[in-house]
N, C-alpha and C. Protein backbone atom coordinates (compact mmCIF):
# COMPACT_ATOMS: atom_id res chain seq x y z
N MET A 1 96.92 46.56 64.09
CA MET A 1 97.69 46.45 62.86
C MET A 1 99.02 47.18 63.03
N ASN A 2 100.05 46.64 62.45
CA ASN A 2 101.40 47.20 62.52
C ASN A 2 101.48 48.46 61.65
N PRO A 3 101.78 49.63 62.23
CA PRO A 3 101.83 50.87 61.44
C PRO A 3 102.89 50.82 60.35
N ARG A 4 104.01 50.17 60.61
CA ARG A 4 105.07 50.07 59.60
C ARG A 4 104.57 49.28 58.39
N PHE A 5 103.84 48.20 58.65
CA PHE A 5 103.28 47.40 57.57
C PHE A 5 102.25 48.21 56.79
N SER A 6 101.41 48.96 57.50
CA SER A 6 100.39 49.79 56.84
C SER A 6 101.03 50.83 55.93
N TYR A 7 102.12 51.43 56.40
CA TYR A 7 102.82 52.43 55.59
C TYR A 7 103.36 51.79 54.32
N ARG A 8 103.99 50.63 54.46
CA ARG A 8 104.54 49.94 53.29
C ARG A 8 103.45 49.55 52.31
N GLU A 9 102.34 49.05 52.85
CA GLU A 9 101.23 48.65 51.99
C GLU A 9 100.70 49.85 51.21
N ALA A 10 100.56 50.99 51.86
CA ALA A 10 100.10 52.21 51.19
C ALA A 10 101.10 52.66 50.14
N ALA A 11 102.39 52.52 50.41
CA ALA A 11 103.41 52.94 49.46
C ALA A 11 103.38 52.08 48.21
N VAL A 12 103.05 50.83 48.36
CA VAL A 12 103.06 49.89 47.23
C VAL A 12 101.83 50.07 46.34
N GLN A 13 100.70 50.32 46.95
CA GLN A 13 99.47 50.44 46.18
C GLN A 13 99.55 51.59 45.20
N GLY A 14 99.29 51.30 43.96
CA GLY A 14 99.29 52.34 42.93
C GLY A 14 100.67 52.74 42.45
N SER A 15 101.71 52.07 42.90
CA SER A 15 103.07 52.41 42.48
C SER A 15 103.37 51.83 41.11
N SER A 16 104.24 52.53 40.40
CA SER A 16 104.68 52.05 39.10
C SER A 16 105.60 50.85 39.29
N PRO A 17 105.80 50.04 38.26
CA PRO A 17 106.73 48.91 38.37
C PRO A 17 108.13 49.35 38.77
N VAL A 18 108.59 50.48 38.25
CA VAL A 18 109.94 50.95 38.61
C VAL A 18 109.96 51.34 40.09
N ARG A 19 108.92 51.98 40.58
CA ARG A 19 108.86 52.36 42.00
C ARG A 19 108.89 51.12 42.88
N LEU A 20 108.20 50.07 42.46
CA LEU A 20 108.20 48.83 43.22
C LEU A 20 109.61 48.23 43.32
N VAL A 21 110.37 48.33 42.24
CA VAL A 21 111.75 47.85 42.25
C VAL A 21 112.56 48.67 43.26
N VAL A 22 112.39 49.98 43.25
CA VAL A 22 113.10 50.85 44.20
C VAL A 22 112.74 50.45 45.63
N LEU A 23 111.47 50.20 45.88
CA LEU A 23 111.04 49.81 47.23
C LEU A 23 111.66 48.48 47.65
N LEU A 24 111.79 47.56 46.71
CA LEU A 24 112.43 46.28 47.03
C LEU A 24 113.91 46.47 47.37
N TYR A 25 114.57 47.34 46.63
CA TYR A 25 115.97 47.64 46.96
C TYR A 25 116.08 48.26 48.34
N GLU A 26 115.15 49.16 48.68
CA GLU A 26 115.17 49.77 50.00
C GLU A 26 114.96 48.72 51.08
N GLN A 27 114.09 47.76 50.82
CA GLN A 27 113.87 46.68 51.78
C GLN A 27 115.13 45.84 51.95
N LEU A 28 115.78 45.53 50.84
CA LEU A 28 117.04 44.78 50.90
C LEU A 28 118.07 45.50 51.77
N ILE A 29 118.23 46.78 51.53
CA ILE A 29 119.21 47.57 52.27
C ILE A 29 118.86 47.61 53.75
N GLN A 30 117.58 47.77 54.07
CA GLN A 30 117.15 47.76 55.47
C GLN A 30 117.45 46.41 56.11
N ASP A 31 117.13 45.33 55.41
CA ASP A 31 117.39 43.99 55.93
C ASP A 31 118.87 43.82 56.25
N LEU A 32 119.72 44.26 55.34
CA LEU A 32 121.16 44.07 55.54
C LEU A 32 121.71 44.97 56.63
N ARG A 33 121.15 46.14 56.79
CA ARG A 33 121.57 47.00 57.90
C ARG A 33 121.20 46.37 59.24
N ARG A 34 120.00 45.79 59.29
CA ARG A 34 119.60 45.10 60.52
C ARG A 34 120.47 43.87 60.75
N ALA A 35 120.84 43.17 59.68
CA ALA A 35 121.73 42.01 59.81
C ALA A 35 123.09 42.46 60.33
N LEU A 36 123.55 43.60 59.87
CA LEU A 36 124.84 44.14 60.33
C LEU A 36 124.80 44.44 61.83
N VAL A 37 123.71 45.06 62.28
CA VAL A 37 123.55 45.34 63.71
C VAL A 37 123.51 44.03 64.49
N ALA A 38 122.77 43.06 63.98
CA ALA A 38 122.69 41.76 64.66
C ALA A 38 124.06 41.10 64.72
N LEU A 39 124.83 41.23 63.65
CA LEU A 39 126.17 40.67 63.63
C LEU A 39 127.04 41.33 64.70
N GLU A 40 126.95 42.65 64.79
CA GLU A 40 127.72 43.38 65.80
C GLU A 40 127.30 43.02 67.22
N ASN A 41 126.02 42.65 67.39
CA ASN A 41 125.50 42.27 68.71
C ASN A 41 125.58 40.77 68.96
N ASN A 42 126.20 40.06 68.02
CA ASN A 42 126.33 38.61 68.11
C ASN A 42 124.98 37.91 68.24
N ASP A 43 123.96 38.44 67.56
CA ASP A 43 122.61 37.87 67.56
C ASP A 43 122.44 37.03 66.29
N ILE A 44 122.78 35.76 66.40
CA ILE A 44 122.77 34.86 65.25
C ILE A 44 121.37 34.71 64.67
N THR A 45 120.37 34.61 65.54
CA THR A 45 118.99 34.43 65.08
C THR A 45 118.53 35.62 64.23
N ALA A 46 118.75 36.83 64.73
CA ALA A 46 118.33 38.03 64.00
C ALA A 46 119.12 38.16 62.70
N ARG A 47 120.42 37.92 62.77
CA ARG A 47 121.25 38.01 61.56
C ARG A 47 120.75 37.04 60.49
N THR A 48 120.47 35.82 60.90
CA THR A 48 119.98 34.80 59.97
C THR A 48 118.64 35.21 59.38
N ARG A 49 117.74 35.69 60.23
CA ARG A 49 116.41 36.11 59.76
C ARG A 49 116.52 37.23 58.72
N GLU A 50 117.34 38.23 59.01
CA GLU A 50 117.46 39.38 58.11
C GLU A 50 118.11 39.00 56.78
N ILE A 51 119.15 38.18 56.84
CA ILE A 51 119.81 37.77 55.60
C ILE A 51 118.89 36.86 54.79
N ASN A 52 118.16 35.99 55.47
CA ASN A 52 117.20 35.14 54.75
C ASN A 52 116.12 35.98 54.06
N HIS A 53 115.65 37.01 54.75
CA HIS A 53 114.64 37.87 54.13
C HIS A 53 115.21 38.61 52.93
N ALA A 54 116.45 39.07 53.07
CA ALA A 54 117.10 39.75 51.94
C ALA A 54 117.20 38.82 50.74
N ILE A 55 117.50 37.56 50.98
CA ILE A 55 117.60 36.59 49.89
C ILE A 55 116.24 36.36 49.24
N VAL A 56 115.18 36.37 50.04
CA VAL A 56 113.82 36.25 49.48
C VAL A 56 113.52 37.46 48.59
N VAL A 57 113.86 38.66 49.05
CA VAL A 57 113.64 39.87 48.26
C VAL A 57 114.43 39.80 46.96
N LEU A 58 115.67 39.33 47.03
CA LEU A 58 116.46 39.14 45.80
C LEU A 58 115.74 38.21 44.84
N GLY A 59 115.13 37.17 45.38
CA GLY A 59 114.37 36.24 44.55
C GLY A 59 113.20 36.92 43.84
N TYR A 60 112.51 37.82 44.55
CA TYR A 60 111.43 38.59 43.91
C TYR A 60 111.98 39.43 42.77
N LEU A 61 113.06 40.13 43.03
CA LEU A 61 113.67 40.96 41.98
C LEU A 61 114.09 40.11 40.79
N GLN A 62 114.74 39.01 41.07
CA GLN A 62 115.21 38.14 39.99
C GLN A 62 114.04 37.53 39.22
N GLY A 63 112.97 37.23 39.93
CA GLY A 63 111.79 36.64 39.29
C GLY A 63 111.08 37.59 38.34
N THR A 64 111.31 38.88 38.47
CA THR A 64 110.64 39.85 37.60
C THR A 64 111.42 40.14 36.32
N LEU A 65 112.62 39.60 36.22
CA LEU A 65 113.44 39.88 35.03
C LEU A 65 112.82 39.25 33.79
N ASP A 66 112.72 40.04 32.73
CA ASP A 66 112.25 39.57 31.43
C ASP A 66 113.47 39.51 30.52
N LYS A 67 114.04 38.32 30.43
CA LYS A 67 115.30 38.18 29.70
C LYS A 67 115.13 38.33 28.19
N GLU A 68 113.93 38.06 27.69
CA GLU A 68 113.69 38.24 26.26
C GLU A 68 113.67 39.71 25.88
N ARG A 69 112.88 40.49 26.60
CA ARG A 69 112.77 41.91 26.28
C ARG A 69 113.86 42.74 26.93
N GLY A 70 114.41 42.26 28.05
CA GLY A 70 115.40 43.03 28.78
C GLY A 70 116.81 42.93 28.25
N GLY A 71 117.06 41.92 27.43
CA GLY A 71 118.36 41.76 26.80
C GLY A 71 119.52 41.75 27.78
N ALA A 72 120.56 42.48 27.43
CA ALA A 72 121.79 42.51 28.21
C ALA A 72 121.56 43.07 29.61
N VAL A 73 120.66 44.03 29.75
CA VAL A 73 120.40 44.62 31.07
C VAL A 73 119.85 43.55 32.01
N ALA A 74 118.89 42.78 31.53
CA ALA A 74 118.30 41.73 32.36
C ALA A 74 119.34 40.67 32.72
N LEU A 75 120.18 40.32 31.76
CA LEU A 75 121.23 39.33 32.04
C LEU A 75 122.24 39.87 33.05
N ASN A 76 122.60 41.14 32.93
CA ASN A 76 123.52 41.75 33.91
C ASN A 76 122.90 41.82 35.30
N LEU A 77 121.61 42.15 35.36
CA LEU A 77 120.93 42.18 36.66
C LEU A 77 120.86 40.78 37.26
N GLU A 78 120.59 39.80 36.44
CA GLU A 78 120.55 38.42 36.94
C GLU A 78 121.91 38.02 37.52
N ARG A 79 122.96 38.36 36.82
CA ARG A 79 124.32 38.10 37.30
C ARG A 79 124.57 38.84 38.62
N PHE A 80 124.15 40.09 38.68
CA PHE A 80 124.32 40.89 39.90
C PHE A 80 123.57 40.25 41.07
N TYR A 81 122.32 39.81 40.84
CA TYR A 81 121.54 39.19 41.91
C TYR A 81 122.19 37.89 42.38
N ASN A 82 122.71 37.11 41.45
CA ASN A 82 123.40 35.87 41.82
C ASN A 82 124.65 36.17 42.65
N GLN A 83 125.41 37.17 42.22
CA GLN A 83 126.62 37.55 42.96
C GLN A 83 126.27 38.11 44.34
N THR A 84 125.18 38.86 44.41
CA THR A 84 124.75 39.41 45.70
C THR A 84 124.34 38.28 46.64
N ARG A 85 123.58 37.34 46.13
CA ARG A 85 123.16 36.19 46.94
C ARG A 85 124.39 35.45 47.47
N THR A 86 125.35 35.20 46.59
CA THR A 86 126.59 34.52 47.00
C THR A 86 127.33 35.34 48.05
N GLY A 87 127.41 36.66 47.85
CA GLY A 87 128.07 37.54 48.80
C GLY A 87 127.39 37.54 50.16
N LEU A 88 126.07 37.49 50.16
CA LEU A 88 125.33 37.46 51.42
C LEU A 88 125.58 36.17 52.18
N LEU A 89 125.57 35.07 51.46
CA LEU A 89 125.84 33.78 52.11
C LEU A 89 127.27 33.73 52.65
N GLU A 90 128.19 34.27 51.89
CA GLU A 90 129.58 34.32 52.33
C GLU A 90 129.72 35.21 53.57
N ALA A 91 129.09 36.37 53.57
CA ALA A 91 129.15 37.27 54.72
C ALA A 91 128.54 36.61 55.95
N HIS A 92 127.46 35.89 55.74
CA HIS A 92 126.78 35.22 56.85
C HIS A 92 127.67 34.12 57.43
N CYS A 93 128.21 33.28 56.56
CA CYS A 93 129.04 32.16 57.02
C CYS A 93 130.33 32.64 57.68
N GLN A 94 130.91 33.69 57.13
CA GLN A 94 132.18 34.20 57.68
C GLN A 94 131.95 35.20 58.82
N GLN A 95 130.68 35.54 59.05
CA GLN A 95 130.33 36.54 60.06
C GLN A 95 131.14 37.82 59.85
N SER A 96 131.09 38.30 58.60
CA SER A 96 131.94 39.41 58.20
C SER A 96 131.15 40.70 57.99
N PRO A 97 131.35 41.68 58.87
CA PRO A 97 130.70 42.98 58.66
C PRO A 97 131.20 43.66 57.38
N THR A 98 132.45 43.45 57.05
CA THR A 98 133.02 44.06 55.84
C THR A 98 132.30 43.57 54.59
N LEU A 99 132.06 42.26 54.53
CA LEU A 99 131.36 41.71 53.36
C LEU A 99 129.90 42.19 53.30
N LEU A 100 129.25 42.30 54.45
CA LEU A 100 127.88 42.83 54.47
C LEU A 100 127.86 44.29 54.03
N GLU A 101 128.80 45.07 54.52
CA GLU A 101 128.86 46.48 54.14
C GLU A 101 129.10 46.63 52.64
N ARG A 102 129.91 45.75 52.07
CA ARG A 102 130.16 45.80 50.63
C ARG A 102 128.86 45.53 49.85
N GLN A 103 128.07 44.56 50.31
CA GLN A 103 126.81 44.27 49.63
C GLN A 103 125.85 45.45 49.73
N ILE A 104 125.81 46.08 50.90
CA ILE A 104 124.95 47.25 51.09
C ILE A 104 125.36 48.36 50.13
N LYS A 105 126.65 48.59 50.03
CA LYS A 105 127.15 49.66 49.15
C LYS A 105 126.77 49.39 47.69
N LEU A 106 126.95 48.17 47.24
CA LEU A 106 126.59 47.82 45.86
C LEU A 106 125.09 47.97 45.62
N LEU A 107 124.29 47.52 46.57
CA LEU A 107 122.83 47.63 46.42
C LEU A 107 122.39 49.09 46.40
N MET A 108 123.05 49.93 47.20
CA MET A 108 122.72 51.36 47.20
C MET A 108 123.03 51.99 45.85
N GLN A 109 124.12 51.58 45.23
CA GLN A 109 124.47 52.12 43.91
C GLN A 109 123.43 51.72 42.87
N VAL A 110 123.01 50.48 42.90
CA VAL A 110 122.02 50.03 41.91
C VAL A 110 120.66 50.66 42.22
N ARG A 111 120.34 50.82 43.51
CA ARG A 111 119.10 51.50 43.87
C ARG A 111 119.09 52.92 43.32
N GLN A 112 120.21 53.60 43.43
CA GLN A 112 120.31 54.96 42.91
C GLN A 112 120.06 54.99 41.40
N ALA A 113 120.58 54.01 40.70
CA ALA A 113 120.35 53.93 39.26
C ALA A 113 118.86 53.75 38.96
N TRP A 114 118.18 52.92 39.76
CA TRP A 114 116.74 52.73 39.57
C TRP A 114 115.97 54.02 39.88
N CYS A 115 116.43 54.77 40.87
CA CYS A 115 115.79 56.06 41.18
C CYS A 115 115.91 57.02 39.99
N GLU A 116 117.06 57.00 39.33
CA GLU A 116 117.25 57.84 38.15
C GLU A 116 116.33 57.39 37.01
N VAL A 117 116.16 56.09 36.85
CA VAL A 117 115.22 55.58 35.85
C VAL A 117 113.81 56.06 36.18
N GLU A 118 113.45 55.98 37.46
CA GLU A 118 112.12 56.41 37.89
C GLU A 118 111.90 57.89 37.58
N ARG A 119 112.89 58.73 37.86
CA ARG A 119 112.77 60.16 37.55
C ARG A 119 112.61 60.39 36.05
N ALA A 120 113.38 59.66 35.26
CA ALA A 120 113.30 59.82 33.80
C ALA A 120 111.93 59.41 33.29
N VAL A 121 111.39 58.33 33.81
CA VAL A 121 110.06 57.87 33.41
C VAL A 121 109.02 58.91 33.80
N ASP A 122 109.13 59.45 35.02
CA ASP A 122 108.19 60.46 35.48
C ASP A 122 108.26 61.72 34.62
N LEU A 123 109.47 62.12 34.22
CA LEU A 123 109.62 63.31 33.37
C LEU A 123 108.98 63.09 32.00
N ARG A 124 109.17 61.90 31.45
CA ARG A 124 108.57 61.60 30.13
C ARG A 124 107.06 61.57 30.22
N ARG A 125 106.55 61.07 31.33
CA ARG A 125 105.11 60.95 31.50
C ARG A 125 104.48 62.31 31.75
N GLY A 126 105.25 63.23 32.33
CA GLY A 126 104.72 64.56 32.63
C GLY A 126 103.97 64.56 33.93
N PRO A 127 103.59 65.75 34.40
CA PRO A 127 102.89 65.84 35.69
C PRO A 127 101.49 65.25 35.59
N THR A 128 101.03 64.69 36.70
CA THR A 128 99.65 64.21 36.75
C THR A 128 98.76 65.42 36.89
N ASN A 129 97.46 65.24 36.73
CA ASN A 129 96.53 66.36 36.88
C ASN A 129 96.66 66.99 38.25
N ASP A 130 96.82 66.16 39.27
CA ASP A 130 96.96 66.66 40.63
C ASP A 130 98.21 67.53 40.74
N GLN A 131 99.30 67.10 40.14
CA GLN A 131 100.55 67.86 40.21
C GLN A 131 100.44 69.15 39.43
N ALA A 132 99.78 69.12 38.29
CA ALA A 132 99.68 70.30 37.43
C ALA A 132 98.83 71.39 38.07
N ASP A 133 97.88 71.00 38.94
CA ASP A 133 96.99 71.97 39.57
C ASP A 133 97.64 72.70 40.74
N ARG A 134 98.78 72.25 41.19
CA ARG A 134 99.41 72.85 42.35
C ARG A 134 100.41 73.92 41.94
N HIS A 135 100.60 74.85 42.84
CA HIS A 135 101.56 75.92 42.63
C HIS A 135 102.98 75.35 42.76
N PRO A 136 103.94 75.82 41.95
CA PRO A 136 105.30 75.30 42.02
C PRO A 136 105.95 75.39 43.39
N SER A 137 105.53 76.34 44.23
CA SER A 137 106.15 76.45 45.55
C SER A 137 105.52 75.50 46.56
N ASP A 138 104.44 74.80 46.17
CA ASP A 138 103.78 73.85 47.06
C ASP A 138 104.69 72.65 47.30
N PRO A 139 105.09 72.40 48.56
CA PRO A 139 106.03 71.30 48.81
C PRO A 139 105.45 69.94 48.49
N GLY A 140 104.14 69.81 48.37
CA GLY A 140 103.54 68.52 48.05
C GLY A 140 103.25 68.37 46.58
N ARG A 141 103.88 69.19 45.74
CA ARG A 141 103.52 69.18 44.32
C ARG A 141 103.88 67.89 43.62
N ASP A 142 104.87 67.18 44.10
CA ASP A 142 105.08 65.86 43.52
C ASP A 142 105.59 64.89 44.57
N ARG A 143 105.23 63.66 44.40
CA ARG A 143 105.52 62.60 45.35
C ARG A 143 107.01 62.48 45.61
N HIS A 144 107.82 62.61 44.56
CA HIS A 144 109.25 62.38 44.70
C HIS A 144 109.94 63.52 45.43
N ALA A 145 109.46 64.72 45.28
CA ALA A 145 110.07 65.82 46.02
C ALA A 145 109.90 65.59 47.52
N ALA A 146 108.73 65.14 47.92
CA ALA A 146 108.50 64.85 49.33
C ALA A 146 109.37 63.70 49.80
N GLU A 147 109.48 62.68 48.98
CA GLU A 147 110.30 61.53 49.36
C GLU A 147 111.76 61.91 49.45
N GLU A 148 112.23 62.72 48.52
CA GLU A 148 113.63 63.09 48.53
C GLU A 148 113.99 63.92 49.76
N THR A 149 113.04 64.73 50.25
CA THR A 149 113.35 65.52 51.42
C THR A 149 113.19 64.70 52.69
N SER A 150 112.36 63.66 52.67
CA SER A 150 112.15 62.88 53.88
C SER A 150 113.10 61.70 53.99
N GLN A 151 113.72 61.29 52.90
CA GLN A 151 114.63 60.16 52.93
C GLN A 151 116.04 60.64 52.63
N PRO A 152 117.00 60.14 53.37
CA PRO A 152 118.37 60.53 53.05
C PRO A 152 118.80 59.96 51.72
N SER A 153 119.69 60.64 51.06
CA SER A 153 120.21 60.13 49.81
C SER A 153 121.12 58.95 50.12
N PRO A 154 121.36 58.07 49.15
CA PRO A 154 122.21 56.91 49.40
C PRO A 154 123.59 57.28 49.95
N THR A 155 124.11 58.44 49.56
CA THR A 155 125.42 58.83 50.07
C THR A 155 125.35 59.20 51.55
N GLU A 156 124.14 59.55 52.03
CA GLU A 156 123.98 59.89 53.44
C GLU A 156 123.69 58.65 54.29
N TRP A 157 123.32 57.56 53.64
CA TRP A 157 123.01 56.33 54.37
C TRP A 157 124.30 55.75 54.89
N ASN A 158 124.46 55.76 56.16
CA ASN A 158 125.66 55.17 56.75
C ASN A 158 125.36 53.75 57.15
N ALA A 159 126.16 52.85 56.65
CA ALA A 159 125.93 51.43 56.94
C ALA A 159 126.33 51.10 58.37
């Protein structure tokens, strides 16, 4: 079994809906970074595969939008996903690293916003029993503290 797949599967299981959205954004960003490397290496097959996968992930995100309950936010996200899809196709056809980098930057900004939503939801929900039983100096006291120290912040992600 692929260890990377196992890690992703474990990360998804039991995750909140907001966390799942964050994970999808992270997948999109990874796909586009790999597409950028493929573009720089003139690997058309890899670039096509990565951009196609990113478009599939965008489809998942767009498919989860609830336009009735989400109102203007859902409509804005739908517009953003459509523009991102168009930008990816344009970057692919023009073989433009600049256009790919622009899409990555925009996705990182929206991912950061979703991370802030996730933190706000977690704060409102309060600590879980497991978190409450741990000492404040325990580095494993909450899932997000561990993730924040193990993952670079979006500003540290170099495209």
